[in-house]
Amino acid sequence: MKTLFRISIYLLLLMPSVIRAETKEIPFTLDDRDRIIRTEQKVESVKTEMSVRFEAIDKRFDQLFSFLWAIIGIFTAMMISVFGFAFWDRNLSLAPIRKDNLKTLNALRDYAEHQPKLREILKNAGLL
């Protein structure tokens, strides 16, 4: 109990000095004002440097996007030409086979004029 009493007395004695320390005004000098001005100038210079860097990065991104569009265009042109060549080659390679099939069908039609059973088969197949 005595220790608690002593602690409370010490606190009561120290309280005015703590209160005075909080209410004490800090003088604002010309050096402080100059320091603030220099800090603001540094912040402005950093802002301008950052804006220059961001503009450089934006230009770089624009270059990358234009390069990507060029790559996409080249790839698209290559794919179109490959598919075009494949279809052209297929039609070119199938033309002789179609010609042979037409000759064979004409021969069967001629022969079907004399053979009634063959004529019936070709009619059912839709070739006459």
Protein backbone atom coordinates (compact mmCIF):
# COMPACT_ATOMS: atom_id res chain seq x y z
CA MET A 1 0.00 0.00 0.00
CA LYS A 2 2.86 2.31 0.80
CA THR A 3 4.49 1.65 -2.57
CA LEU A 4 1.27 2.46 -4.35
CA PHE A 5 1.03 5.68 -2.41
CA ARG A 6 4.63 6.60 -3.29
CA ILE A 7 4.09 5.91 -6.97
CA SER A 8 1.00 8.08 -7.05
CA ILE A 9 2.87 10.94 -5.32
CA TYR A 10 5.72 10.72 -7.86
CA LEU A 11 3.21 10.79 -10.68
CA LEU A 12 1.49 13.83 -9.24
CA LEU A 13 4.81 15.62 -8.86
CA LEU A 14 5.93 14.80 -12.41
CA MET A 15 2.59 15.64 -14.05
CA PRO A 16 3.15 19.44 -14.33
CA SER A 17 6.48 18.97 -16.09
CA VAL A 18 4.88 16.56 -18.59
CA ILE A 19 2.04 18.98 -19.26
CA ARG A 20 4.49 21.85 -19.75
CA ALA A 21 6.51 19.79 -22.24
CA GLU A 22 3.40 19.20 -24.35
CA THR A 23 2.38 22.86 -24.42
CA LYS A 24 5.83 24.18 -25.27
CA GLU A 25 5.88 25.81 -28.70
CA ILE A 26 8.58 24.93 -31.15
CA PRO A 27 9.90 27.97 -32.99
CA PHE A 28 9.75 27.89 -36.79
CA THR A 29 12.97 29.35 -38.19
CA LEU A 30 14.05 30.50 -41.64
CA ASP A 31 16.24 27.41 -41.90
CA ASP A 32 13.15 25.27 -41.46
CA ARG A 33 11.36 27.20 -44.20
CA ASP A 34 14.36 26.85 -46.52
CA ARG A 35 14.53 23.12 -45.77
CA ILE A 36 10.85 22.74 -46.71
CA ILE A 37 11.39 24.67 -49.95
CA ARG A 38 14.37 22.47 -50.87
CA THR A 39 12.33 19.37 -50.09
CA GLU A 40 9.52 20.59 -52.33
CA GLN A 41 11.99 21.27 -55.13
CA LYS A 42 13.43 17.77 -54.80
CA VAL A 43 9.94 16.28 -54.86
CA GLU A 44 9.13 18.27 -58.03
CA SER A 45 12.35 17.13 -59.70
CA VAL A 46 11.56 13.52 -58.81
CA LYS A 47 8.06 13.97 -60.25
CA THR A 48 9.46 15.28 -63.53
CA GLU A 49 11.99 12.44 -63.70
CA MET A 50 9.23 9.92 -63.06
CA SER A 51 7.01 11.44 -65.74
CA VAL A 52 9.90 11.28 -68.25
CA ARG A 53 10.51 7.64 -67.34
CA PHE A 54 6.82 6.79 -67.64
CA GLU A 55 6.70 8.42 -71.06
CA ALA A 56 9.71 6.34 -72.11
CA ILE A 57 8.02 3.20 -70.83
CA ASP A 58 4.82 4.12 -72.71
CA LYS A 59 6.81 4.53 -75.93
CA ARG A 60 8.45 1.17 -75.35
CA PHE A 61 5.06 -0.49 -74.83
CA ASP A 62 3.79 1.10 -78.04
CA GLN A 63 6.80 -0.31 -79.88
CA LEU A 64 6.18 -3.76 -78.39
CA PHE A 65 2.50 -3.68 -79.35
CA SER A 66 3.28 -2.65 -82.90
CA PHE A 67 5.86 -5.45 -83.09
CA LEU A 68 3.30 -7.95 -81.80
CA TRP A 69 0.77 -6.77 -84.42
CA ALA A 70 3.43 -7.27 -87.11
CA ILE A 71 4.13 -10.80 -85.85
CA ILE A 72 0.40 -11.59 -85.80
CA GLY A 73 0.04 -10.27 -89.36
CA ILE A 74 2.96 -12.36 -90.61
CA PHE A 75 1.63 -15.48 -88.90
CA THR A 76 -1.86 -14.91 -90.33
CA ALA A 77 -0.46 -14.44 -93.84
CA MET A 78 1.57 -17.63 -93.50
CA MET A 79 -1.43 -19.65 -92.34
CA ILE A 80 -3.64 -18.33 -95.13
CA SER A 81 -1.02 -19.16 -97.74
CA VAL A 82 -0.50 -22.68 -96.34
CA PHE A 83 -4.24 -23.43 -96.35
CA GLY A 84 -4.60 -21.90 -99.82
CA PHE A 85 -1.78 -24.03 -101.14
CA ALA A 86 -3.30 -27.16 -99.55
CA PHE A 87 -6.71 -26.56 -101.19
CA TRP A 88 -5.14 -25.70 -104.55
CA ASP A 89 -2.97 -28.82 -104.45
CA ARG A 90 -5.91 -30.99 -103.50
CA ASN A 91 -7.99 -29.75 -106.43
CA LEU A 92 -5.02 -30.14 -108.74
CA SER A 93 -4.32 -33.71 -107.62
CA LEU A 94 -7.99 -34.79 -107.71
CA ALA A 95 -8.65 -33.50 -111.25
CA PRO A 96 -7.20 -36.57 -113.05
CA ILE A 97 -9.12 -38.92 -110.76
CA ARG A 98 -12.38 -37.08 -111.48
CA LYS A 99 -11.64 -37.31 -115.22
CA ASP A 100 -11.04 -41.07 -114.96
CA ASN A 101 -14.23 -41.51 -112.91
CA LEU A 102 -16.22 -39.63 -115.54
CA LYS A 103 -14.80 -41.85 -118.30
CA THR A 104 -15.66 -44.98 -116.34
CA LEU A 105 -19.22 -43.72 -115.67
CA ASN A 106 -19.75 -42.93 -119.36
CA ALA A 107 -18.51 -46.42 -120.30
CA LEU A 108 -20.90 -48.00 -117.80
CA ARG A 109 -23.81 -45.92 -119.14
CA ASP A 110 -23.04 -47.05 -122.70
CA TYR A 111 -22.85 -50.67 -121.62
CA ALA A 112 -26.08 -50.30 -119.58
CA GLU A 113 -28.01 -49.60 -122.80
CA HIS A 114 -27.51 -53.27 -123.76
CA GLN A 115 -27.69 -54.80 -120.26
CA PRO A 116 -31.01 -54.31 -118.44
CA LYS A 117 -29.68 -55.55 -115.10
CA LEU A 118 -26.80 -53.01 -115.14
CA ARG A 119 -29.28 -50.30 -116.14
CA GLU A 120 -31.39 -51.14 -113.09
CA ILE A 121 -28.34 -50.99 -110.81
CA LEU A 122 -27.25 -47.61 -112.19
CA LYS A 123 -30.79 -46.21 -111.83
CA ASN A 124 -30.94 -47.34 -108.19
CA ALA A 125 -27.54 -45.72 -107.57
CA GLY A 126 -28.73 -42.46 -109.22
CA LEU A 127 -26.11 -42.56 -111.93
CA LEU A 128 -28.49 -42.65 -114.90
